[in-house]
Protein backbone atom coordinates (compact mmCIF):
# COMPACT_ATOMS: atom_id res chain seq x y z
CA MET A 1 -50.11 140.64 -0.10
CA GLU A 2 -51.02 141.67 3.39
CA PHE A 3 -52.28 138.74 5.46
CA THR A 4 -55.78 139.66 6.58
CA GLU A 5 -58.91 137.67 7.19
CA GLU A 6 -60.51 139.04 4.01
CA ASN A 7 -57.48 138.11 1.88
CA PHE A 8 -57.45 134.69 3.49
CA ARG A 9 -61.08 134.13 2.48
CA LYS A 10 -60.33 135.26 -1.09
CA LEU A 11 -57.37 132.93 -1.37
CA ALA A 12 -59.37 130.04 0.08
CA ALA A 13 -62.19 130.65 -2.42
CA GLU A 14 -59.73 130.87 -5.32
CA ASN A 15 -58.00 127.70 -4.15
CA GLN A 16 -61.34 125.88 -4.03
CA GLN A 17 -62.22 126.99 -7.58
CA LEU A 18 -58.85 125.86 -8.92
CA ARG A 19 -59.20 122.48 -7.21
CA GLN A 20 -62.66 122.06 -8.76
CA ARG A 21 -61.30 122.83 -12.21
CA ILE A 22 -58.43 120.38 -11.78
CA ASP A 23 -60.85 117.68 -10.57
CA TRP A 24 -63.13 118.38 -13.53
CA LEU A 25 -60.23 118.07 -15.98
CA LEU A 26 -59.05 114.83 -14.39
CA ARG A 27 -62.56 113.37 -14.65
CA LYS A 28 -62.72 114.41 -18.31
CA LEU A 29 -59.34 112.83 -19.07
CA PHE A 30 -59.42 109.67 -16.96
CA GLY A 31 -62.93 109.25 -15.58
CA LYS A 32 -65.98 107.46 -16.88
CA SER A 33 -67.88 109.27 -19.63
CA SER A 34 -71.26 107.94 -18.53
CA GLU A 35 -73.57 110.36 -16.75
CA LYS A 36 -75.64 107.66 -15.09
CA LEU A 37 -76.30 107.97 -11.38
CA THR A 38 -75.25 105.32 -8.90
CA PRO A 39 -77.94 103.69 -6.73
CA GLY A 40 -76.59 105.64 -3.76
CA GLN A 41 -77.06 108.91 -5.59
CA LEU A 42 -80.56 107.96 -6.68
CA CYS A 43 -81.66 107.29 -3.13
CA PHE A 44 -80.15 110.56 -1.90
CA ASP A 45 -82.95 112.70 -0.48
CA LEU A 46 -85.66 111.02 -2.58
CA GLY A 47 -87.76 110.12 0.44
CA GLU A 48 -90.21 107.26 0.35
CA ASN A 49 -90.37 107.18 -3.45
CA GLY A 50 -86.60 106.95 -3.79
CA VAL A 51 -84.65 104.05 -5.14
CA THR A 52 -83.20 101.91 -2.38
CA PRO A 53 -79.77 100.48 -3.17
CA ASP A 54 -79.39 96.75 -2.97
CA ALA A 55 -78.48 95.41 0.46
CA PRO A 56 -74.82 94.39 0.73
CA GLU A 57 -74.22 90.74 0.24
CA ALA A 58 -72.83 88.61 3.05
CA PRO A 59 -69.03 88.44 2.94
CA LEU A 60 -67.56 85.35 1.32
CA GLU A 61 -65.86 82.74 3.43
CA ALA A 62 -62.11 82.35 3.06
CA ASP A 63 -62.42 79.18 0.95
CA GLU A 64 -64.97 80.86 -1.29
CA VAL A 65 -62.70 83.84 -1.86
CA LEU A 66 -59.73 81.61 -2.72
CA HIS A 67 -61.60 79.41 -5.14
CA ALA A 68 -64.12 81.87 -6.55
CA HIS A 69 -64.09 82.26 -10.32
CA PRO A 70 -65.46 85.27 -12.23
CA VAL A 71 -68.83 84.64 -13.80
CA ARG A 72 -68.48 84.77 -17.55
CA LYS A 73 -71.27 86.55 -19.36
CA ARG A 74 -72.68 84.56 -22.22
CA GLY A 75 -72.77 86.37 -25.55
CA LYS A 76 -76.04 87.23 -27.18
CA ARG A 77 -77.41 84.59 -29.51
CA ILE A 78 -77.31 85.59 -33.15
CA GLU A 79 -80.82 85.99 -34.53
CA LEU A 80 -80.81 85.29 -38.28
CA PRO A 81 -83.48 86.87 -40.52
CA ALA A 82 -86.27 84.50 -41.48
CA ASP A 83 -85.90 85.37 -45.19
CA LEU A 84 -82.15 84.76 -45.30
CA PRO A 85 -81.29 82.53 -48.31
CA VAL A 86 -80.46 78.94 -47.41
CA VAL A 87 -77.94 76.71 -49.19
CA GLU A 88 -78.27 73.08 -48.13
CA GLU A 89 -75.35 70.66 -48.19
CA ARG A 90 -76.16 66.97 -47.65
CA LEU A 91 -73.32 64.71 -46.50
CA ILE A 92 -73.91 61.08 -47.47
CA PRO A 93 -71.61 58.41 -45.98
CA GLU A 94 -69.33 56.66 -48.45
CA GLU A 95 -70.87 53.28 -47.56
CA VAL A 96 -74.35 54.52 -48.49
CA GLN A 97 -73.07 56.08 -51.71
CA ALA A 98 -71.57 52.72 -52.68
CA GLU A 99 -74.76 50.71 -51.90
CA PRO A 100 -77.73 53.08 -51.66
CA GLU A 101 -80.28 50.25 -51.99
CA ALA A 102 -78.85 48.56 -48.90
CA TYR A 103 -79.62 51.47 -46.55
CA ARG A 104 -82.74 53.19 -45.26
CA GLN A 105 -82.63 56.67 -43.67
CA ILE A 106 -84.01 56.77 -40.14
CA SER A 107 -83.24 60.35 -39.11
CA GLU A 108 -80.83 63.21 -39.72
CA GLU A 109 -78.69 65.60 -37.76
CA VAL A 110 -78.66 69.25 -38.79
CA PHE A 111 -76.52 72.22 -37.78
CA GLU A 112 -76.31 75.65 -39.34
CA GLN A 113 -73.47 78.07 -40.06
CA LEU A 114 -73.54 81.66 -41.21
CA ASP A 115 -71.52 82.03 -44.40
CA ILE A 116 -70.58 84.98 -46.61
CA ILE A 117 -69.64 85.18 -50.28
CA PRO A 118 -67.08 87.98 -50.70
CA ALA A 119 -68.02 90.97 -52.83
CA GLN A 120 -67.20 90.72 -56.52
CA CYS A 121 -65.81 93.38 -58.82
CA PHE A 122 -66.54 92.98 -62.53
CA LYS A 123 -66.70 94.93 -65.77
CA ARG A 124 -70.19 95.62 -67.07
CA ARG A 125 -69.90 95.70 -70.83
CA ILE A 126 -72.86 97.36 -72.59
CA ILE A 127 -73.14 96.14 -76.18
CA ARG A 128 -75.42 97.98 -78.61
CA PRO A 129 -75.68 96.17 -81.94
CA LYS A 130 -76.41 98.35 -84.96
CA PHE A 131 -78.84 97.12 -87.65
CA VAL A 132 -79.89 98.07 -91.18
CA ARG A 133 -82.96 96.92 -93.05
CA ILE A 134 -82.27 94.23 -95.59
CA ASP A 135 -85.09 95.22 -97.95
CA ASP A 136 -84.42 98.96 -97.88
CA ARG A 137 -80.78 100.01 -97.57
CA SER A 138 -81.76 103.68 -97.93
CA LEU A 139 -83.01 103.83 -94.34
CA PRO A 140 -80.50 104.82 -91.65
CA PRO A 141 -79.14 102.16 -89.30
CA VAL A 142 -81.00 101.58 -86.02
CA ILE A 143 -79.45 101.12 -82.62
CA ALA A 144 -80.86 100.91 -79.07
CA PRO A 145 -80.54 104.20 -77.13
CA ALA A 146 -77.65 104.28 -74.70
CA PRO A 147 -78.73 103.94 -71.05
CA LYS A 148 -78.34 107.14 -69.09
CA ARG A 149 -75.37 107.23 -66.77
CA ILE A 150 -75.29 109.08 -63.46
CA ILE A 151 -71.92 110.62 -64.32
CA GLU A 152 -71.56 111.07 -68.08
CA ASN A 153 -68.48 109.58 -69.75
CA SER A 154 -67.43 107.96 -66.49
CA ILE A 155 -66.44 104.38 -65.79
CA ALA A 156 -68.28 104.55 -62.45
CA SER A 157 -71.55 102.63 -62.40
CA SER A 158 -74.34 103.27 -59.92
CA GLY A 159 -73.26 100.12 -58.05
CA LEU A 160 -69.69 101.40 -57.63
CA LEU A 161 -70.86 104.85 -56.54
CA LEU A 162 -73.24 103.30 -54.01
CA TYR A 163 -70.41 101.12 -52.66
CA LEU A 164 -68.15 104.15 -52.18
CA VAL A 165 -70.86 106.29 -50.54
CA CYS A 166 -71.82 103.60 -48.04
CA ALA A 167 -68.20 102.77 -47.24
CA LYS A 168 -67.33 106.40 -46.55
CA TYR A 169 -70.47 107.74 -44.87
CA ILE A 170 -71.88 104.64 -43.15
CA GLU A 171 -68.73 102.64 -42.38
CA HIS A 172 -66.66 105.86 -42.04
CA LEU A 173 -63.75 104.71 -44.22
CA PRO A 174 -61.59 107.53 -45.61
CA LEU A 175 -60.98 107.48 -49.36
CA TYR A 176 -57.31 106.57 -49.03
CA ARG A 177 -58.32 103.35 -47.22
CA LEU A 178 -60.89 102.64 -49.92
CA GLU A 179 -58.17 103.13 -52.51
CA GLN A 180 -56.03 100.51 -50.75
CA SER A 181 -58.98 98.16 -50.16
CA LEU A 182 -60.02 98.09 -53.82
CA LYS A 183 -56.44 97.40 -54.86
CA ARG A 184 -56.02 94.62 -52.30
CA GLN A 185 -59.38 92.87 -52.84
CA PHE A 186 -59.93 93.24 -56.56
CA GLY A 187 -56.63 94.36 -58.04
CA VAL A 188 -58.30 97.58 -59.25
CA PHE A 189 -56.59 100.90 -58.57
CA ILE A 190 -58.83 103.98 -58.38
CA ASP A 191 -57.10 107.15 -57.34
CA ARG A 192 -58.72 108.74 -54.29
CA LYS A 193 -58.78 112.12 -56.03
CA LEU A 194 -60.93 110.56 -58.76
CA MET A 195 -63.22 109.02 -56.11
CA SER A 196 -63.49 112.40 -54.41
CA GLY A 197 -64.53 113.95 -57.72
CA TRP A 198 -67.21 111.29 -58.14
CA MET A 199 -68.53 112.00 -54.65
CA TYR A 200 -68.71 115.71 -55.44
CA ARG A 201 -70.55 115.22 -58.75
CA LEU A 202 -73.00 112.75 -57.23
CA ALA A 203 -73.69 115.11 -54.32
CA GLN A 204 -74.42 117.92 -56.78
CA MET A 205 -77.03 115.73 -58.45
CA LEU A 206 -78.52 114.77 -55.07
CA ALA A 207 -78.68 118.44 -54.05
CA MET A 208 -82.24 118.77 -55.44
CA ILE A 209 -83.40 116.00 -53.06
CA TYR A 210 -81.42 117.71 -50.30
CA GLU A 211 -83.29 120.99 -50.88
CA ALA A 212 -86.62 119.13 -50.94
CA LEU A 213 -85.61 117.62 -47.59
CA ARG A 214 -84.99 121.14 -46.28
CA ASP A 215 -88.52 122.15 -47.29
CA GLU A 216 -89.89 119.12 -45.41
CA LEU A 217 -88.13 120.11 -42.22
CA ARG A 218 -89.09 123.76 -42.49
CA SER A 219 -92.76 122.76 -42.73
CA SER A 220 -92.58 120.50 -39.67
CA GLY A 221 -93.07 123.32 -37.14
CA TYR A 222 -90.55 121.84 -34.68
CA LEU A 223 -86.79 121.61 -35.12
CA GLN A 224 -83.97 120.57 -32.83
CA VAL A 225 -80.69 122.30 -33.66
CA ASP A 226 -77.06 121.70 -32.75
CA GLU A 227 -73.64 122.13 -34.32
CA THR A 228 -70.43 120.12 -34.28
CA PRO A 229 -66.91 121.26 -35.19
CA VAL A 230 -65.06 119.75 -38.14
CA ARG A 231 -61.61 120.72 -39.38
CA TYR A 232 -60.90 121.34 -43.07
CA LEU A 233 -57.76 121.92 -45.13
CA ASN A 234 -57.13 125.61 -45.66
CA PRO A 235 -54.47 125.97 -48.40
CA GLY A 236 -51.95 128.74 -47.93
CA THR A 237 -52.22 128.91 -44.15
CA GLY A 238 -50.20 125.83 -43.31
CA LYS A 239 -52.89 124.52 -40.98
CA CYS A 240 -56.49 123.29 -40.85
CA GLY A 241 -59.39 125.67 -40.54
CA GLN A 242 -62.29 125.17 -38.14
CA GLY A 243 -65.73 124.69 -39.66
CA TYR A 244 -69.07 123.44 -38.35
CA LEU A 245 -71.78 121.03 -39.41
CA TRP A 246 -75.07 122.57 -38.33
CA VAL A 247 -77.66 119.85 -37.76
CA TYR A 248 -81.44 120.30 -37.90
CA ASN A 249 -83.57 117.41 -36.72
CA SER A 250 -87.31 116.89 -36.85
CA PRO A 251 -88.45 114.42 -34.18
CA LYS A 252 -90.83 113.07 -36.83
CA GLY A 253 -87.83 111.51 -38.54
CA SER A 254 -85.81 113.59 -41.00
CA VAL A 255 -82.47 115.28 -40.35
CA LEU A 256 -80.49 117.84 -42.36
CA PHE A 257 -76.82 118.81 -42.13
CA GLU A 258 -75.51 122.19 -43.27
CA TRP A 259 -71.84 123.06 -43.67
CA HIS A 260 -70.46 126.45 -42.64
CA THR A 261 -66.95 127.67 -41.97
CA GLY A 262 -68.22 129.69 -39.01
CA ARG A 263 -70.52 129.50 -36.01
CA LYS A 264 -72.34 132.85 -36.18
CA GLY A 265 -76.10 133.26 -36.09
CA ASP A 266 -76.23 134.17 -39.77
CA CYS A 267 -75.38 130.54 -40.57
CA MET A 268 -79.02 129.73 -39.73
CA LYS A 269 -80.51 132.13 -42.27
CA LYS A 270 -81.24 129.63 -45.01
CA MET A 271 -83.02 127.28 -42.64
CA LEU A 272 -84.70 129.53 -40.09
CA LEU A 273 -85.15 132.95 -41.71
CA ASP A 274 -88.89 132.50 -42.38
CA PHE A 275 -89.39 129.46 -40.17
CA SER A 276 -92.40 129.40 -37.87
CA GLY A 277 -92.55 127.07 -34.89
CA PHE A 278 -90.41 125.68 -32.07
CA VAL A 279 -86.61 125.59 -32.18
CA GLN A 280 -84.97 123.53 -29.43
CA HIS A 281 -81.29 124.14 -28.70
CA ASP A 282 -78.66 124.12 -25.98
CA GLY A 283 -78.69 127.85 -25.23
CA TYR A 284 -75.70 128.87 -27.39
CA VAL A 285 -75.76 132.67 -27.70
CA ALA A 286 -75.90 132.61 -31.53
CA TYR A 287 -79.48 131.30 -31.41
CA GLY A 288 -80.61 134.23 -29.30
CA SER A 289 -78.82 136.79 -31.48
CA PHE A 290 -80.38 135.29 -34.60
CA ARG A 291 -83.86 135.54 -33.10
CA ARG A 292 -83.35 139.16 -32.08
CA LYS A 293 -81.97 140.09 -35.49
CA HIS A 294 -84.25 138.18 -37.85
CA GLN A 295 -87.34 137.00 -35.97
CA LYS A 296 -90.69 138.40 -37.07
CA GLU A 297 -93.73 138.57 -34.77
CA GLU A 298 -92.46 135.87 -32.40
CA SER A 299 -92.55 133.30 -35.21
CA ILE A 300 -89.80 131.27 -33.53
CA VAL A 301 -90.38 129.95 -30.01
CA ALA A 302 -87.22 128.78 -28.24
CA ALA A 303 -87.20 125.56 -26.22
CA GLY A 304 -84.37 124.51 -23.91
CA CYS A 305 -82.51 121.25 -23.44
CA MET A 306 -82.81 119.54 -20.04
CA ALA A 307 -79.88 117.25 -20.86
CA HIS A 308 -77.51 120.23 -21.03
CA MET A 309 -78.80 121.54 -17.70
CA ARG A 310 -78.34 118.10 -16.18
CA ARG A 311 -74.83 117.81 -17.60
CA ASN A 312 -73.76 120.95 -15.75
CA PHE A 313 -74.97 119.58 -12.41
CA HIS A 314 -73.44 116.19 -13.18
CA GLU A 315 -70.03 117.85 -13.59
CA ALA A 316 -70.60 119.68 -10.28
CA GLN A 317 -71.77 116.68 -8.24
CA GLU A 318 -68.39 116.34 -6.49
CA ASP A 319 -68.54 120.05 -5.70
CA SER A 320 -71.72 120.28 -3.63
CA GLU A 321 -74.66 118.48 -2.12
CA THR A 322 -76.93 120.87 -4.06
CA ALA A 323 -75.76 119.43 -7.39
CA ARG A 324 -76.49 115.87 -6.24
CA LEU A 325 -79.94 116.90 -5.02
CA ILE A 326 -80.79 118.55 -8.35
CA LEU A 327 -79.55 115.48 -10.25
CA ASN A 328 -81.97 113.27 -8.37
CA GLU A 329 -84.84 115.68 -9.00
CA ILE A 330 -84.04 115.69 -12.72
CA ALA A 331 -84.04 111.89 -12.62
CA LYS A 332 -87.73 112.06 -11.64
CA LEU A 333 -88.44 114.11 -14.78
CA TYR A 334 -86.81 111.50 -16.99
CA GLN A 335 -88.75 108.73 -15.26
CA VAL A 336 -91.94 110.46 -16.37
CA GLU A 337 -90.62 110.72 -19.95
CA ALA A 338 -89.62 107.05 -19.97
CA ARG A 339 -93.12 106.02 -18.95
CA LEU A 340 -94.65 108.24 -21.65
CA ARG A 341 -92.43 106.64 -24.31
CA GLU A 342 -93.46 103.18 -23.15
CA ASN A 343 -97.14 104.16 -23.29
CA PRO A 344 -97.67 106.30 -26.42
CA LYS A 345 -101.44 106.48 -25.83
CA LEU A 346 -101.02 108.53 -22.65
CA ASP A 347 -101.69 112.27 -22.81
CA ARG A 348 -98.17 113.71 -22.65
CA ARG A 349 -99.22 117.23 -21.69
CA GLN A 350 -101.61 116.10 -18.97
CA ASN A 351 -99.09 113.72 -17.39
CA ARG A 352 -96.34 116.32 -17.50
CA GLN A 353 -98.58 118.90 -15.86
CA GLN A 354 -99.51 116.50 -13.09
CA GLU A 355 -96.10 114.91 -12.43
CA SER A 356 -93.30 117.00 -13.97
CA VAL A 357 -94.44 120.53 -13.15
CA PRO A 358 -94.36 120.04 -9.34
CA VAL A 359 -90.82 118.64 -9.63
CA LEU A 360 -89.73 121.60 -11.76
CA GLU A 361 -91.22 124.04 -9.28
CA SER A 362 -89.31 122.32 -6.49
CA ILE A 363 -86.07 122.52 -8.50
CA LYS A 364 -86.51 126.23 -9.17
CA ALA A 365 -87.29 126.98 -5.53
CA THR A 366 -84.16 125.13 -4.46
CA LEU A 367 -81.99 126.94 -7.01
CA LEU A 368 -83.25 130.35 -5.90
CA LYS A 369 -82.73 129.43 -2.27
CA VAL A 370 -79.13 128.25 -2.58
CA LYS A 371 -77.95 130.59 -5.34
CA GLY A 372 -76.32 133.03 -2.94
CA SER A 373 -74.42 130.31 -1.07
CA HIS A 374 -72.34 129.21 -4.09
CA LEU A 375 -69.60 131.21 -5.75
CA PRO A 376 -70.62 132.34 -9.25
CA LYS A 377 -67.48 130.81 -10.82
CA SER A 378 -67.79 127.48 -9.03
CA LEU A 379 -69.15 124.51 -10.98
CA THR A 380 -72.37 124.55 -8.96
CA GLY A 381 -72.70 128.33 -9.30
CA GLN A 382 -72.32 128.11 -13.08
CA ALA A 383 -74.85 125.27 -13.28
CA ILE A 384 -77.37 127.30 -11.27
CA ASP A 385 -76.85 130.40 -13.44
CA TYR A 386 -77.31 128.35 -16.63
CA ALA A 387 -80.58 126.84 -15.36
CA LEU A 388 -82.15 130.03 -14.01
CA ALA A 389 -81.17 132.12 -17.06
CA ARG A 390 -82.98 129.67 -19.36
CA TRP A 391 -85.73 128.49 -17.05
CA GLU A 392 -88.71 129.44 -19.22
CA GLN A 393 -87.16 127.67 -22.20
CA LEU A 394 -86.38 124.58 -20.13
CA VAL A 395 -89.92 124.11 -18.81
CA ILE A 396 -91.85 124.98 -21.99
CA TYR A 397 -91.96 121.28 -22.96
CA THR A 398 -94.55 120.67 -20.22
CA GLU A 399 -97.02 122.92 -22.09
CA HIS A 400 -96.69 121.28 -25.51
CA ALA A 401 -97.10 117.55 -26.00
CA GLU A 402 -95.10 117.49 -29.24
CA LEU A 403 -91.93 118.85 -27.60
CA GLU A 404 -89.20 116.60 -26.23
CA ILE A 405 -87.56 117.17 -22.86
CA ASP A 406 -84.11 117.51 -24.40
CA ASN A 407 -82.08 117.76 -27.60
CA ASN A 408 -80.76 114.21 -27.50
CA LEU A 409 -82.30 113.18 -30.82
CA VAL A 410 -80.26 115.72 -32.75
CA GLU A 411 -77.14 114.78 -30.78
CA ASN A 412 -77.72 111.14 -31.75
CA ALA A 413 -77.86 112.23 -35.39
CA ILE A 414 -74.45 113.89 -34.97
CA ARG A 415 -72.74 110.77 -33.60
CA PRO A 416 -71.84 109.20 -36.99
CA THR A 417 -69.84 112.31 -37.88
CA ALA A 418 -67.93 111.99 -34.61
CA VAL A 419 -66.96 108.42 -35.54
CA GLY A 420 -66.01 109.57 -39.03
CA LYS A 421 -63.78 112.37 -37.75
CA LYS A 422 -61.62 109.82 -35.95
CA ASN A 423 -60.96 108.10 -39.28
CA TRP A 424 -60.82 110.78 -42.00
CA LEU A 425 -59.70 113.54 -39.54
CA PHE A 426 -60.74 116.53 -41.70
CA PHE A 427 -62.47 117.63 -44.91
CA GLY A 428 -60.21 118.03 -47.93
CA SER A 429 -61.34 121.62 -48.50
CA ALA A 430 -63.91 124.15 -47.35
CA GLU A 431 -66.08 123.23 -50.36
CA ALA A 432 -65.94 119.49 -49.55
CA GLY A 433 -67.92 120.05 -46.34
CA GLN A 434 -71.22 120.53 -48.17
CA THR A 435 -70.68 117.30 -50.14
CA SER A 436 -70.51 115.40 -46.86
CA ALA A 437 -73.46 117.36 -45.48
CA ILE A 438 -75.67 116.14 -48.34
CA PHE A 439 -74.77 112.48 -47.86
CA TYR A 440 -75.04 112.67 -44.06
CA SER A 441 -78.50 114.24 -44.43
CA LEU A 442 -79.92 111.51 -46.66
CA ILE A 443 -78.32 108.63 -44.74
CA GLY A 444 -79.20 110.13 -41.34
CA SER A 445 -82.84 110.59 -42.40
CA CYS A 446 -82.98 106.96 -43.54
CA LYS A 447 -81.72 105.74 -40.18
CA ALA A 448 -84.14 107.97 -38.27
CA LEU A 449 -87.06 106.67 -40.35
CA GLY A 450 -86.07 103.02 -39.95
CA LEU A 451 -85.01 102.63 -43.60
CA ILE A 452 -81.99 100.73 -44.91
CA PRO A 453 -79.81 103.46 -46.45
CA GLU A 454 -78.40 101.12 -49.13
CA GLU A 455 -81.89 100.26 -50.42
CA TYR A 456 -82.93 103.90 -50.53
CA LEU A 457 -79.75 105.09 -52.25
CA ARG A 458 -79.94 102.28 -54.81
CA ALA A 459 -83.48 103.30 -55.74
CA VAL A 460 -82.45 106.96 -55.94
CA CYS A 461 -79.43 106.20 -58.12
CA GLU A 462 -81.63 104.27 -60.55
CA ALA A 463 -84.06 107.20 -60.82
CA LEU A 464 -81.51 110.01 -60.65
CA ALA A 465 -80.80 110.27 -64.37
CA GLY A 466 -84.41 111.24 -65.14
CA MET A 467 -85.11 113.23 -61.96
CA THR A 468 -86.01 116.94 -62.04
CA ASN A 469 -86.35 119.66 -59.42
CA GLN A 470 -90.13 119.19 -59.60
CA THR A 471 -90.02 115.42 -58.96
CA ALA A 472 -87.22 115.52 -56.36
CA LYS A 473 -89.73 116.07 -53.54
CA ASP A 474 -91.03 112.54 -54.20
CA TRP A 475 -87.58 111.09 -53.47
CA THR A 476 -86.84 112.32 -49.98
CA PRO A 477 -86.48 109.41 -47.51
CA ALA A 478 -89.85 110.21 -45.90
CA ALA A 479 -91.65 110.44 -49.27
CA TRP A 480 -90.01 107.24 -50.51
CA LYS A 481 -91.02 105.41 -47.34
CA ALA A 482 -94.62 106.62 -47.63
CA ARG A 483 -94.77 105.52 -51.26
CA ARG A 484 -93.45 102.06 -50.40
CA GLN A 485 -95.95 101.69 -47.57
CA ALA A 486 -98.79 102.70 -49.92
CA GLN A 487 -97.62 100.05 -52.37
CA GLY A 488 -97.47 97.46 -49.61
CA ALA A 489 -93.71 97.01 -49.94
């Protein structure tokens, strides 16, 4: 290559981009995962309203440095529920036991411990005596009807099924660990393939509640959407395939997982084909292609995610002063949102118009001003392009009080699957993904609504044998919670 000034500039620019990518990879591998700003960053260019970092403390004297000990943080005190059962144990001295009439109690000392009785495994034997009439032997014998079982001709009771579901989808234990745990604790061996079959059959019965949950979300008028990759066994290929759990969250509480082996826009058909309302997402191109292909009369209004925009500038903060400036401006937006969450009675739209809109206008003006001074492929250049290309979607939340500033609620709903993937690694087959999607949907909705998943699933299992497609809508987590509240439970 001929050494010219132009070639030198190109090489310098390429070198800078490569250094930025290496720095970004090193931060991803070895750096802190938190995106919080330091006090120094917060006070950067915030003016009078900025956050002033704490003044540096006076240096310690030599003796203080030599003899200083680290301050140990005290653990949080355990708060026990008020309705927790109490078992009292009174310890009487041997002298008093020998001569109780010779002693009078003057006081007592009491301390408490938290104790646990290990789980028990037992056989439930159902006995149905058969009777005949003594005075008329011509009548047929009578016997009590057999109770309905969730899985016909199976040894699995509702209690065992509930234990397995909670262990796998709440505590994230893979079935092979459950197989070992049952053998170790209770001496009972249940093959994990059999447990997997039980999970599949139970999920098929819960599918009618799952579809009723879908109808609830579709009628909400506002969905947050995201997807997360999950591997699955793909027989015949010698390797795992790549599938996705698509997650739909309603900020009102419920969440629904869908399993697909791909990530194309058509995966959203069942949920969004005739949906009308707001759909908030991270800007993945499949959402836009779906809207262009299937949307009717602007029935779907796209909303952006400020957290994704912020993440781009956070990754570029070592690259430029512009990125650090934008981060501090975005911090002001989240301060407004924090105050609105703390004061639910405030008018969200009015406060956003008065406080957030001027900040957003300042951010946009800055981005337009500095856009030409950053290389398009640099971290800052990419962050600017992302923000400006989706600007209308990012700021639409200021016009509608029901919208959130970001997609974090749906990302929170995804987190349990991320923990699970570290334990069970992959789905056993492409078909097994939907089984997990059903359980994650019901359990995730319970958590979002403040319900205890075990209580809800126990009630559902008891009613499942007599449930129909028509009555399933009364057994979604939201409907069950409303019914309990109406009954004063």
